[in-house]
């Protein structure tokens, strides 16, 4: 397993940047997209926030982007980027979706153009920032949350406590609800070589050594009500590159995707067979179709 591939796998498992120049390896079947320039940002909307703006949320500056026009009765689509990324990695997806829908995204604290967090964050704190963003850019309108990787984990943790607002979820290769225990149990503490390094590096990220200073905690999947949910899993088994433990890591990842189905009685699981971790980049049509399907069923 070469160093670049290992970095890519750590990014998928922990959903956070590991050092400078973190990119995926085509050999591993996984690639972290480079951020597009500002000129590639979604077209402005006439509703509320237009284009990319900075707003104040509880004293912190948060970078947000909104585009497209809201239709009466339709939810606003809110995109949540993965760890180590920012809203620009969702820009192409946002631009496509905004042709027919109102779509917003934002940089969480510690990411992109938003302020750094004042200290370690937990899921409740990240959720409070999300609520502050929604209050300003969405108002009382219902939302569909579409999250990639760590963004999906955050969305699925957030939805059960905000059933009055969240009317649908799309989880794009989301981090497992039991990611910490999965890794600790799969790769033993005395493992050496690449697997041992991978374990130590990823657990450090889980403990908060990531740009958002988010401390990962495992938990049971809670119900978000009878809302439409699409869970989409990668099909290119790049985690298998980890010596000795790779097949088991893929098994754990699959288990995690299935566990997310418990967030709603209307959950569906599918596989993006030609995708690595970045499904919205490798197979954008799959992501677009899933999000539009959920948005059309929201509120039913």
Protein backbone atom coordinates (compact mmCIF):
# COMPACT_ATOMS: atom_id res chain seq x y z
CA UNK A 1 0.00 0.00 0.00
CA UNK A 2 1.70 3.20 -1.12
CA UNK A 3 1.60 6.37 1.04
CA UNK A 4 -0.85 8.21 -1.20
CA UNK A 5 -3.25 5.29 -1.19
CA UNK A 6 -3.03 5.04 2.58
CA UNK A 7 -3.86 8.74 2.92
CA UNK A 8 -6.89 8.26 0.72
CA UNK A 9 -8.11 5.32 2.78
CA UNK A 10 -7.63 7.27 6.02
CA UNK A 11 -9.68 10.08 4.48
CA UNK A 12 -12.50 7.67 3.72
CA UNK A 13 -12.43 5.99 7.13
CA UNK A 14 -12.03 9.15 9.18
CA UNK A 15 -13.38 11.72 6.72
CA UNK A 16 -10.70 14.30 7.52
CA UNK A 17 -7.57 15.72 5.93
CA UNK A 18 -4.36 13.96 6.85
CA UNK A 19 -1.45 16.30 6.19
CA UNK A 20 -0.84 18.48 3.20
CA UNK A 21 -1.49 17.35 -0.33
CA UNK A 22 -4.02 14.66 0.53
CA UNK A 23 -5.24 13.19 -2.75
CA UNK A 24 -6.46 9.76 -3.65
CA UNK A 25 -4.68 7.20 -5.76
CA UNK A 26 -6.10 5.86 -8.99
CA UNK A 27 -4.36 2.62 -8.08
CA UNK A 28 -6.54 2.45 -4.99
CA UNK A 29 -9.62 3.34 -6.97
CA UNK A 30 -10.20 6.45 -4.88
CA UNK A 31 -9.52 10.08 -5.63
CA UNK A 32 -10.13 13.21 -3.64
CA UNK A 33 -11.35 15.94 -6.00
CA UNK A 34 -9.51 19.22 -6.18
CA UNK A 35 -11.53 22.27 -5.24
CA UNK A 36 -12.84 24.20 -8.24
CA UNK A 37 -12.09 27.88 -8.51
CA UNK A 38 -14.51 30.58 -7.48
CA UNK A 39 -15.52 31.04 -11.09
CA UNK A 40 -16.98 27.54 -10.99
CA UNK A 41 -19.38 28.42 -8.17
CA UNK A 42 -23.12 27.92 -8.65
CA UNK A 43 -25.10 30.72 -10.29
CA UNK A 44 -26.75 33.20 -7.90
CA UNK A 45 -30.40 32.96 -6.94
CA UNK A 46 -32.94 35.71 -6.44
CA UNK A 47 -34.09 34.10 -3.17
CA UNK A 48 -32.32 34.96 0.09
CA UNK A 49 -28.57 34.32 0.03
CA UNK A 50 -27.31 34.61 -3.53
CA UNK A 51 -24.13 32.91 -4.66
CA UNK A 52 -21.47 32.65 -1.96
CA UNK A 53 -21.74 34.87 1.10
CA UNK A 54 -20.52 34.96 4.68
CA UNK A 55 -23.05 35.01 7.51
CA UNK A 56 -22.76 35.30 11.27
CA UNK A 57 -23.80 32.26 13.28
CA UNK A 58 -23.50 32.69 17.06
CA UNK A 59 -20.53 35.00 16.64
CA UNK A 60 -18.68 32.88 14.06
CA UNK A 61 -18.37 33.62 10.36
CA UNK A 62 -19.78 30.83 8.20
CA UNK A 63 -19.27 30.65 4.45
CA UNK A 64 -22.48 29.67 2.62
CA UNK A 65 -23.58 29.23 -0.98
CA UNK A 66 -27.14 29.16 -2.31
CA UNK A 67 -28.48 28.89 -5.84
CA UNK A 68 -31.64 28.06 -7.72
CA UNK A 69 -35.21 29.09 -7.01
CA UNK A 70 -37.53 27.51 -4.49
CA UNK A 71 -40.82 26.08 -5.76
CA UNK A 72 -43.91 26.30 -3.58
CA UNK A 73 -44.18 23.24 -1.36
CA UNK A 74 -40.79 21.83 -2.31
CA UNK A 75 -37.99 21.42 0.25
CA UNK A 76 -34.67 23.23 0.02
CA UNK A 77 -31.79 20.86 -0.64
CA UNK A 78 -28.84 21.38 1.71
CA UNK A 79 -25.51 19.74 0.85
CA UNK A 80 -23.02 18.75 3.57
CA UNK A 81 -19.44 18.17 2.44
CA UNK A 82 -17.13 15.49 3.79
CA UNK A 83 -14.38 16.01 6.35
CA UNK A 84 -11.28 17.69 4.99
CA UNK A 85 -13.32 19.17 2.15
CA UNK A 86 -15.36 22.35 1.77
CA UNK A 87 -18.43 23.46 -0.14
CA UNK A 88 -16.51 23.79 -3.40
CA UNK A 89 -16.26 20.01 -3.68
CA UNK A 90 -20.06 19.98 -3.91
CA UNK A 91 -20.20 22.89 -6.41
CA UNK A 92 -20.86 20.82 -9.54
CA UNK A 93 -23.56 18.83 -7.76
CA UNK A 94 -25.14 22.04 -6.47
CA UNK A 95 -25.10 23.65 -9.89
CA UNK A 96 -26.83 20.67 -11.49
CA UNK A 97 -29.50 20.41 -8.80
CA UNK A 98 -30.18 24.15 -8.76
CA UNK A 99 -31.54 24.03 -12.30
CA UNK A 100 -34.81 22.81 -10.78
CA UNK A 101 -34.48 23.35 -7.02
CA UNK A 102 -33.26 25.71 -4.37
CA UNK A 103 -29.91 24.33 -3.13
CA UNK A 104 -27.58 25.55 -0.39
CA UNK A 105 -24.25 24.39 1.01
CA UNK A 106 -21.87 25.74 3.63
CA UNK A 107 -18.42 25.32 5.12
CA UNK A 108 -18.55 23.94 8.64
CA UNK A 109 -16.37 25.64 11.24
CA UNK A 110 -12.79 24.68 10.47
CA UNK A 111 -13.46 24.17 6.76
CA UNK A 112 -13.10 26.38 3.69
CA UNK A 113 -13.95 30.03 4.20
CA UNK A 114 -15.55 29.65 7.64
CA UNK A 115 -13.96 30.55 10.96
CA UNK A 116 -11.92 28.00 12.89
CA UNK A 117 -13.68 26.49 15.90
CA UNK A 118 -12.68 27.84 19.28
CA UNK A 119 -11.95 24.33 20.55
CA UNK A 120 -13.01 20.70 20.23
CA UNK A 121 -16.46 20.14 18.75
CA UNK A 122 -19.02 17.38 19.28
CA UNK A 123 -22.00 16.42 17.14
CA UNK A 124 -24.32 18.63 19.17
CA UNK A 125 -22.13 21.67 18.55
CA UNK A 126 -21.86 20.96 14.84
CA UNK A 127 -25.63 20.55 14.79
CA UNK A 128 -26.12 23.94 16.45
CA UNK A 129 -24.11 25.57 13.67
CA UNK A 130 -26.21 23.74 11.07
CA UNK A 131 -29.38 25.01 12.76
CA UNK A 132 -28.01 28.56 12.70
CA UNK A 133 -27.26 28.27 9.00
CA UNK A 134 -30.71 26.87 8.21
CA UNK A 135 -32.42 29.60 10.23
CA UNK A 136 -30.80 32.23 8.02
CA UNK A 137 -30.72 30.67 4.56
CA UNK A 138 -33.82 28.47 4.67
CA UNK A 139 -36.07 29.97 7.31
CA UNK A 140 -39.20 27.93 7.95
CA UNK A 141 -38.97 25.92 4.73
CA UNK A 142 -38.46 22.15 5.02
CA UNK A 143 -35.12 20.70 3.94
CA UNK A 144 -33.60 17.60 2.45
CA UNK A 145 -30.09 17.00 3.79
CA UNK A 146 -27.65 15.33 1.41
CA UNK A 147 -24.33 14.54 3.06
CA UNK A 148 -21.14 12.93 1.83
CA UNK A 149 -18.93 10.91 4.18
CA UNK A 150 -18.68 12.79 7.48
CA UNK A 151 -21.36 15.16 6.17
CA UNK A 152 -23.70 12.19 5.91
CA UNK A 153 -22.91 11.13 9.46
CA UNK A 154 -23.71 14.64 10.67
CA UNK A 155 -26.95 14.75 8.67
CA UNK A 156 -28.14 11.40 10.02
CA UNK A 157 -27.30 12.40 13.60
CA UNK A 158 -29.06 15.75 13.17
CA UNK A 159 -32.31 14.62 11.53
CA UNK A 160 -33.87 12.71 14.48
CA UNK A 161 -33.79 15.84 16.66
CA UNK A 162 -35.20 18.09 13.92
CA UNK A 163 -38.07 16.12 12.43
CA UNK A 164 -40.10 19.32 12.09
CA UNK A 165 -37.54 20.57 9.56
CA UNK A 166 -35.79 17.61 7.91
CA UNK A 167 -38.06 15.87 5.41
CA UNK A 168 -35.53 13.63 3.69
CA UNK A 169 -31.95 12.34 3.75
CA UNK A 170 -29.43 11.25 1.15
CA UNK A 171 -26.32 9.61 2.61
CA UNK A 172 -23.47 9.38 0.12
CA UNK A 173 -21.03 6.75 1.41
CA UNK A 174 -21.52 8.10 4.91
CA UNK A 175 -19.24 7.34 7.81
CA UNK A 176 -20.48 4.39 9.87
CA UNK A 177 -22.40 5.15 13.09
CA UNK A 178 -19.92 2.85 14.84
CA UNK A 179 -16.78 3.92 12.99
CA UNK A 180 -14.52 4.14 16.05
CA UNK A 181 -15.37 0.70 17.44
CA UNK A 182 -15.29 -0.83 13.96
CA UNK A 183 -11.69 0.26 13.43
CA UNK A 184 -10.55 -0.62 16.95
CA UNK A 185 -12.03 -4.09 16.63
CA UNK A 186 -10.89 -4.73 13.07
CA UNK A 187 -7.21 -3.74 13.36
CA UNK A 188 -5.66 -4.84 16.68
CA UNK A 189 -3.73 -2.37 18.81
CA UNK A 190 -0.49 -4.33 18.32
CA UNK A 191 -0.74 -4.29 14.52
CA UNK A 192 2.42 -3.11 12.79
CA UNK A 193 3.30 -1.84 9.34
CA UNK A 194 0.82 0.04 7.13
CA UNK A 195 -2.24 -1.32 8.97
CA UNK A 196 -0.88 -0.25 12.36
CA UNK A 197 -0.04 3.20 11.03
CA UNK A 198 -3.50 3.47 9.49
CA UNK A 199 -5.14 2.55 12.80
CA UNK A 200 -3.13 5.06 14.84
CA UNK A 201 -3.58 7.87 12.33
CA UNK A 202 -7.30 7.36 11.92
CA UNK A 203 -8.03 7.03 15.64
CA UNK A 204 -6.14 10.29 16.22
CA UNK A 205 -8.45 11.96 13.73
CA UNK A 206 -11.47 10.44 15.43
CA UNK A 207 -10.17 11.93 18.70
CA UNK A 208 -10.31 15.44 17.24
CA UNK A 209 -7.04 15.86 15.36
CA UNK A 210 -8.83 17.16 12.26
CA UNK A 211 -9.44 20.67 10.88
CA UNK A 212 -12.94 20.85 12.37
CA UNK A 213 -11.69 19.51 15.74
CA UNK A 214 -14.69 17.19 15.73
CA UNK A 215 -14.46 14.38 18.26
CA UNK A 216 -16.18 11.29 16.87
CA UNK A 217 -18.42 9.31 19.19
CA UNK A 218 -20.24 6.13 18.22
CA UNK A 219 -23.94 5.76 18.83
CA UNK A 220 -27.08 3.87 17.93
CA UNK A 221 -28.98 4.96 14.84
CA UNK A 222 -32.07 6.87 15.96
CA UNK A 223 -35.28 7.28 14.00
CA UNK A 224 -35.87 10.48 12.08
CA UNK A 225 -39.46 9.56 11.44
CA UNK A 226 -41.00 8.07 8.33
CA UNK A 227 -39.05 10.24 5.89
CA UNK A 228 -37.60 9.13 2.52
CA UNK A 229 -33.92 8.15 2.82
CA UNK A 230 -31.47 7.05 0.16
CA UNK A 231 -28.26 5.38 1.36
CA UNK A 232 -25.69 5.01 -1.41
CA UNK A 233 -22.51 2.96 -0.94
CA UNK A 234 -19.32 2.94 -3.02
CA UNK A 235 -18.86 -0.01 -5.36
CA UNK A 236 -15.11 0.12 -5.99
CA UNK A 237 -13.66 -1.80 -3.05
CA UNK A 238 -10.59 0.37 -2.55
CA UNK A 239 -10.40 -0.33 1.19
CA UNK A 240 -9.29 -3.85 0.33
CA UNK A 241 -5.84 -2.45 -0.46
CA UNK A 242 -5.03 -2.37 3.26
CA UNK A 243 -2.81 -5.42 3.82
CA UNK A 244 -4.46 -8.27 5.71
CA UNK A 245 -7.36 -6.19 7.05
CA UNK A 246 -8.73 -4.64 3.84
CA UNK A 247 -11.57 -7.13 3.18
CA UNK A 248 -12.70 -6.74 6.79
CA UNK A 249 -12.71 -2.95 6.50
CA UNK A 250 -14.98 -3.27 3.47
CA UNK A 251 -17.27 -5.57 5.47
CA UNK A 252 -17.44 -3.02 8.27
CA UNK A 253 -18.19 -0.22 5.81
CA UNK A 254 -21.04 -2.24 4.28
CA UNK A 255 -22.39 -2.99 7.76
CA UNK A 256 -22.38 0.71 8.55
CA UNK A 257 -24.35 1.58 5.42
CA UNK A 258 -26.96 -1.02 6.33
CA UNK A 259 -27.19 0.32 9.86
CA UNK A 260 -28.10 3.75 8.50
CA UNK A 261 -31.24 2.21 6.98
CA UNK A 262 -32.68 2.18 10.49
CA UNK A 263 -32.97 5.98 10.44
CA UNK A 264 -36.35 5.61 8.70
CA UNK A 265 -38.88 2.99 7.68
CA UNK A 266 -38.64 4.43 4.16
CA UNK A 267 -34.91 3.92 3.71
CA UNK A 268 -33.40 2.35 0.60
CA UNK A 269 -29.82 1.17 0.00
CA UNK A 270 -28.11 1.15 -3.37
CA UNK A 271 -24.55 0.70 -4.64
CA UNK A 272 -22.73 3.03 -7.01
CA UNK A 273 -20.74 0.28 -8.70
CA UNK A 274 -18.34 2.56 -10.58
CA UNK A 275 -17.60 4.86 -7.65
CA UNK A 276 -14.98 5.18 -4.99
CA UNK A 277 -15.69 7.26 -1.89
CA UNK A 278 -16.64 10.42 -3.82
CA UNK A 279 -19.86 9.18 -5.39
CA UNK A 280 -21.03 12.66 -6.39
CA UNK A 281 -17.80 13.07 -8.37
CA UNK A 282 -17.38 9.56 -9.82
CA UNK A 283 -21.06 9.04 -10.65
CA UNK A 284 -22.77 12.43 -10.34
CA UNK A 285 -25.89 11.18 -12.08
CA UNK A 286 -26.43 8.64 -9.31
CA UNK A 287 -26.21 11.34 -6.64
CA UNK A 288 -28.45 13.76 -8.55
CA UNK A 289 -31.11 11.12 -9.18
CA UNK A 290 -31.16 10.05 -5.52
CA UNK A 291 -31.43 13.61 -4.20
CA UNK A 292 -34.17 14.55 -6.66
CA UNK A 293 -36.06 11.35 -5.83
CA UNK A 294 -35.97 12.08 -2.11
CA UNK A 295 -36.93 15.72 -2.63
CA UNK A 296 -39.93 14.67 -4.72
CA UNK A 297 -41.12 12.28 -1.99
CA UNK A 298 -40.49 14.62 0.95
CA UNK A 299 -43.58 15.53 2.89
CA UNK A 300 -45.61 12.58 1.62
